[in-house]
Amino acid sequence: MRFIHTITGLCLCATLASFNAIAQSSDATEAMADYLAFADYGGGTVFPEQMPQDQYAKTFVIDARDAQQFATAHIDNAHNIEWREVLAKREQIPKDRMVLIYCNTGSLSAQAGFALRVAGWSNVRILQGGYQEWLAKGGMQANARAAGTQRSH
């Protein structure tokens, strides 16, 4: 058992050393520092009630959750690109219109959004509170509900 702990510890140390070496000498670190020096305070977040329903049709929406969660329920016309894959699939993501990215609560989509911004996408917005808050505030009708203009069914 002690041998397994030693091997695990050595692997962890080697991995951390590799990450540390990359971070200290990487252009990525400089790019992140440059981004943070000029980032907007809000970090490009959008609250569900700020999005009029007709804006969704003009927006490239990314559901950053896993495929199973996406299959269960998602915002209409959303593209399922898991948060860890946004850079690998960046050629699918436009730079010429708003990109809205969400996960369940907003934390993983914030990481994906940060990565895209550092990579040059200035048009990325994070759905504050994620899918759960979007649903709780009325989904596509959140803006109308907040404005008191939601149509009755």
C-alpha atoms as a PDB file:
ATOM      1  CA  MET A   1       0.000   0.000   0.000  1.00  0.00           C
ATOM      2  CA  ARG A   2       2.869   2.350   0.844  1.00  0.00           C
ATOM      3  CA  PHE A   3       4.297   1.682  -2.657  1.00  0.00           C
ATOM      4  CA  ILE A   4       1.007   2.775  -4.297  1.00  0.00           C
ATOM      5  CA  HIS A   5       0.944   5.980  -2.256  1.00  0.00           C
ATOM      6  CA  THR A   6       4.568   6.691  -3.226  1.00  0.00           C
ATOM      7  CA  ILE A   7       3.905   6.121  -6.935  1.00  0.00           C
ATOM      8  CA  THR A   8       0.719   8.217  -6.792  1.00  0.00           C
ATOM      9  CA  GLY A   9       2.590  11.003  -5.013  1.00  0.00           C
ATOM     10  CA  LEU A  10       5.414  10.940  -7.573  1.00  0.00           C
ATOM     11  CA  CYS A  11       2.948  11.087 -10.458  1.00  0.00           C
ATOM     12  CA  LEU A  12       1.115  13.992  -8.843  1.00  0.00           C
ATOM     13  CA  CYS A  13       4.383  15.858  -8.245  1.00  0.00           C
ATOM     14  CA  ALA A  14       5.499  15.292 -11.837  1.00  0.00           C
ATOM     15  CA  THR A  15       2.142  16.497 -13.155  1.00  0.00           C
ATOM     16  CA  LEU A  16       2.187  19.603 -10.968  1.00  0.00           C
ATOM     17  CA  ALA A  17       5.784  20.330 -11.956  1.00  0.00           C
ATOM     18  CA  SER A  18       4.815  20.058 -15.626  1.00  0.00           C
ATOM     19  CA  PHE A  19       1.876  22.436 -15.165  1.00  0.00           C
ATOM     20  CA  ASN A  20       4.060  24.837 -13.212  1.00  0.00           C
ATOM     21  CA  ALA A  21       6.749  24.830 -15.912  1.00  0.00           C
ATOM     22  CA  ILE A  22       4.148  25.447 -18.604  1.00  0.00           C
ATOM     23  CA  ALA A  23       2.543  28.262 -16.621  1.00  0.00           C
ATOM     24  CA  GLN A  24       5.856  30.013 -15.957  1.00  0.00           C
ATOM     25  CA  SER A  25       7.088  29.938 -19.541  1.00  0.00           C
ATOM     26  CA  SER A  26       3.870  29.926 -21.487  1.00  0.00           C
ATOM     27  CA  ASP A  27       2.452  32.507 -23.839  1.00  0.00           C
ATOM     28  CA  ALA A  28      -0.905  31.449 -22.396  1.00  0.00           C
ATOM     29  CA  THR A  29       0.025  32.939 -19.040  1.00  0.00           C
ATOM     30  CA  GLU A  30       0.908  36.233 -20.698  1.00  0.00           C
ATOM     31  CA  ALA A  31      -2.330  36.186 -22.682  1.00  0.00           C
ATOM     32  CA  MET A  32      -4.352  35.600 -19.513  1.00  0.00           C
ATOM     33  CA  ALA A  33      -2.531  38.396 -17.697  1.00  0.00           C
ATOM     34  CA  ASP A  34      -3.151  40.759 -20.630  1.00  0.00           C
ATOM     35  CA  TYR A  35      -6.827  39.828 -20.692  1.00  0.00           C
ATOM     36  CA  LEU A  36      -7.250  40.333 -16.942  1.00  0.00           C
ATOM     37  CA  ALA A  37      -5.593  43.745 -17.130  1.00  0.00           C
ATOM     38  CA  PHE A  38      -8.349  45.017 -19.431  1.00  0.00           C
ATOM     39  CA  ALA A  39     -11.351  42.756 -18.708  1.00  0.00           C
ATOM     40  CA  ASP A  40     -14.725  44.312 -17.965  1.00  0.00           C
ATOM     41  CA  TYR A  41     -15.741  44.124 -14.327  1.00  0.00           C
ATOM     42  CA  GLY A  42     -18.802  42.002 -15.103  1.00  0.00           C
ATOM     43  CA  GLY A  43     -16.719  39.560 -17.098  1.00  0.00           C
ATOM     44  CA  GLY A  44     -19.227  39.549 -19.928  1.00  0.00           C
ATOM     45  CA  THR A  45     -22.092  38.056 -17.975  1.00  0.00           C
ATOM     46  CA  VAL A  46     -25.719  38.321 -19.065  1.00  0.00           C
ATOM     47  CA  PHE A  47     -28.638  37.765 -16.711  1.00  0.00           C
ATOM     48  CA  PRO A  48     -31.583  35.754 -18.115  1.00  0.00           C
ATOM     49  CA  GLU A  49     -33.889  38.767 -17.782  1.00  0.00           C
ATOM     50  CA  GLN A  50     -31.538  40.844 -19.971  1.00  0.00           C
ATOM     51  CA  MET A  51     -32.116  38.636 -23.026  1.00  0.00           C
ATOM     52  CA  PRO A  52     -35.251  39.440 -25.028  1.00  0.00           C
ATOM     53  CA  GLN A  53     -36.697  36.309 -26.609  1.00  0.00           C
ATOM     54  CA  ASP A  54     -35.956  37.484 -30.172  1.00  0.00           C
ATOM     55  CA  GLN A  55     -32.252  37.915 -29.285  1.00  0.00           C
ATOM     56  CA  TYR A  56     -31.790  34.146 -28.955  1.00  0.00           C
ATOM     57  CA  ALA A  57     -32.340  33.666 -32.707  1.00  0.00           C
ATOM     58  CA  LYS A  58     -29.495  36.120 -33.420  1.00  0.00           C
ATOM     59  CA  THR A  59     -27.140  34.564 -30.858  1.00  0.00           C
ATOM     60  CA  PHE A  60     -24.858  31.543 -31.124  1.00  0.00           C
ATOM     61  CA  VAL A  61     -25.818  29.686 -27.932  1.00  0.00           C
ATOM     62  CA  ILE A  62     -23.454  27.089 -26.474  1.00  0.00           C
ATOM     63  CA  ASP A  63     -24.659  24.553 -23.928  1.00  0.00           C
ATOM     64  CA  ALA A  64     -21.408  23.658 -22.174  1.00  0.00           C
ATOM     65  CA  ARG A  65     -22.879  20.730 -20.235  1.00  0.00           C
ATOM     66  CA  ASP A  66     -22.306  17.086 -21.082  1.00  0.00           C
ATOM     67  CA  ALA A  67     -24.225  15.364 -23.870  1.00  0.00           C
ATOM     68  CA  GLN A  68     -26.601  13.574 -21.494  1.00  0.00           C
ATOM     69  CA  GLN A  69     -27.689  16.808 -19.805  1.00  0.00           C
ATOM     70  CA  PHE A  70     -28.052  18.472 -23.198  1.00  0.00           C
ATOM     71  CA  ALA A  71     -30.210  15.594 -24.448  1.00  0.00           C
ATOM     72  CA  THR A  72     -32.476  15.903 -21.408  1.00  0.00           C
ATOM     73  CA  ALA A  73     -33.199  19.622 -21.871  1.00  0.00           C
ATOM     74  CA  HIS A  74     -31.533  22.707 -23.326  1.00  0.00           C
ATOM     75  CA  ILE A  75     -32.184  26.182 -24.687  1.00  0.00           C
ATOM     76  CA  ASP A  76     -33.700  26.014 -28.180  1.00  0.00           C
ATOM     77  CA  ASN A  77     -31.100  26.084 -30.984  1.00  0.00           C
ATOM     78  CA  ALA A  78     -28.186  25.669 -28.554  1.00  0.00           C
ATOM     79  CA  HIS A  79     -25.041  23.892 -29.727  1.00  0.00           C
ATOM     80  CA  ASN A  80     -23.685  21.275 -27.343  1.00  0.00           C
ATOM     81  CA  ILE A  81     -19.966  21.946 -26.917  1.00  0.00           C
ATOM     82  CA  GLU A  82     -18.788  20.710 -23.538  1.00  0.00           C
ATOM     83  CA  TRP A  83     -16.898  23.345 -21.563  1.00  0.00           C
ATOM     84  CA  ARG A  84     -13.554  21.520 -21.861  1.00  0.00           C
ATOM     85  CA  GLU A  85     -13.887  21.302 -25.648  1.00  0.00           C
ATOM     86  CA  VAL A  86     -14.501  24.956 -26.557  1.00  0.00           C
ATOM     87  CA  LEU A  87     -10.940  25.594 -27.660  1.00  0.00           C
ATOM     88  CA  ALA A  88     -10.678  22.303 -29.535  1.00  0.00           C
ATOM     89  CA  LYS A  89     -13.917  23.169 -31.373  1.00  0.00           C
ATOM     90  CA  ARG A  90     -13.323  26.916 -31.662  1.00  0.00           C
ATOM     91  CA  GLU A  91     -13.607  26.823 -35.457  1.00  0.00           C
ATOM     92  CA  GLN A  92     -17.353  26.202 -34.933  1.00  0.00           C
ATOM     93  CA  ILE A  93     -17.762  29.339 -32.811  1.00  0.00           C
ATOM     94  CA  PRO A  94     -18.387  32.616 -34.673  1.00  0.00           C
ATOM     95  CA  LYS A  95     -16.660  35.897 -33.899  1.00  0.00           C
ATOM     96  CA  ASP A  96     -19.140  38.066 -35.804  1.00  0.00           C
ATOM     97  CA  ARG A  97     -22.177  37.772 -33.518  1.00  0.00           C
ATOM     98  CA  MET A  98     -22.917  37.339 -29.851  1.00  0.00           C
ATOM     99  CA  VAL A  99     -22.003  33.993 -28.317  1.00  0.00           C
ATOM    100  CA  LEU A 100     -23.896  33.018 -25.163  1.00  0.00           C
ATOM    101  CA  ILE A 101     -22.495  30.120 -23.184  1.00  0.00           C
ATOM    102  CA  TYR A 102     -24.148  28.348 -20.265  1.00  0.00           C
ATOM    103  CA  CYS A 103     -23.859  25.295 -18.037  1.00  0.00           C
ATOM    104  CA  ASN A 104     -26.036  24.333 -15.066  1.00  0.00           C
ATOM    105  CA  THR A 105     -24.989  27.133 -12.720  1.00  0.00           C
ATOM    106  CA  GLY A 106     -22.545  29.329 -14.624  1.00  0.00           C
ATOM    107  CA  SER A 107     -19.241  28.161 -13.144  1.00  0.00           C
ATOM    108  CA  LEU A 108     -18.027  25.826 -15.911  1.00  0.00           C
ATOM    109  CA  SER A 109     -19.319  28.084 -18.659  1.00  0.00           C
ATOM    110  CA  ALA A 110     -17.390  30.953 -17.050  1.00  0.00           C
ATOM    111  CA  GLN A 111     -14.193  28.922 -17.410  1.00  0.00           C
ATOM    112  CA  ALA A 112     -14.980  28.109 -21.028  1.00  0.00           C
ATOM    113  CA  GLY A 113     -15.855  31.742 -21.720  1.00  0.00           C
ATOM    114  CA  PHE A 114     -12.602  32.906 -20.159  1.00  0.00           C
ATOM    115  CA  ALA A 115     -10.639  30.491 -22.355  1.00  0.00           C
ATOM    116  CA  LEU A 116     -12.418  31.753 -25.477  1.00  0.00           C
ATOM    117  CA  ARG A 117     -11.805  35.391 -24.548  1.00  0.00           C
ATOM    118  CA  VAL A 118      -8.115  34.761 -23.994  1.00  0.00           C
ATOM    119  CA  ALA A 119      -8.089  33.031 -27.395  1.00  0.00           C
ATOM    120  CA  GLY A 120      -9.537  36.145 -29.044  1.00  0.00           C
ATOM    121  CA  TRP A 121     -13.335  35.896 -28.833  1.00  0.00           C
ATOM    122  CA  SER A 122     -14.475  39.268 -27.491  1.00  0.00           C
ATOM    123  CA  ASN A 123     -18.131  38.470 -28.283  1.00  0.00           C
ATOM    124  CA  VAL A 124     -18.637  35.801 -25.591  1.00  0.00           C
ATOM    125  CA  ARG A 125     -21.161  36.303 -22.798  1.00  0.00           C
ATOM    126  CA  ILE A 126     -21.824  33.965 -19.869  1.00  0.00           C
ATOM    127  CA  LEU A 127     -25.412  33.239 -18.843  1.00  0.00           C
ATOM    128  CA  GLN A 128     -25.341  34.262 -15.174  1.00  0.00           C
ATOM    129  CA  GLY A 129     -26.702  31.465 -12.985  1.00  0.00           C
ATOM    130  CA  GLY A 130     -26.697  29.006 -15.882  1.00  0.00           C
ATOM    131  CA  TYR A 131     -29.559  26.887 -17.120  1.00  0.00           C
ATOM    132  CA  GLN A 132     -31.092  26.465 -13.657  1.00  0.00           C
ATOM    133  CA  GLU A 133     -31.468  30.206 -13.083  1.00  0.00           C
ATOM    134  CA  TRP A 134     -32.631  30.703 -16.681  1.00  0.00           C
ATOM    135  CA  LEU A 135     -35.458  28.210 -16.069  1.00  0.00           C
ATOM    136  CA  ALA A 136     -36.331  29.678 -12.679  1.00  0.00           C
ATOM    137  CA  LYS A 137     -36.602  33.181 -14.155  1.00  0.00           C
ATOM    138  CA  GLY A 138     -38.863  32.109 -17.005  1.00  0.00           C
ATOM    139  CA  GLY A 139     -36.559  30.774 -19.722  1.00  0.00           C
ATOM    140  CA  MET A 140     -37.223  32.482 -23.049  1.00  0.00           C
ATOM    141  CA  GLN A 141     -39.795  34.659 -21.275  1.00  0.00           C
ATOM    142  CA  ALA A 142     -37.429  35.882 -18.504  1.00  0.00           C
ATOM    143  CA  ASN A 143     -37.045  39.312 -20.110  1.00  0.00           C
ATOM    144  CA  ALA A 144     -40.780  39.766 -20.651  1.00  0.00           C
ATOM    145  CA  ARG A 145     -41.521  38.491 -17.158  1.00  0.00           C
ATOM    146  CA  ALA A 146     -39.032  40.926 -15.609  1.00  0.00           C
ATOM    147  CA  ALA A 147     -40.500  43.800 -17.648  1.00  0.00           C
ATOM    148  CA  GLY A 148     -44.036  42.769 -16.704  1.00  0.00           C
ATOM    149  CA  THR A 149     -44.976  42.246 -20.350  1.00  0.00           C
ATOM    150  CA  GLN A 150     -45.151  38.455 -20.501  1.00  0.00           C
ATOM    151  CA  ARG A 151     -48.051  37.313 -22.622  1.00  0.00           C
ATOM    152  CA  SER A 152     -50.652  35.233 -20.848  1.00  0.00           C
ATOM    153  CA  HIS A 153     -51.337  31.811 -22.306  1.00  0.00           C
END
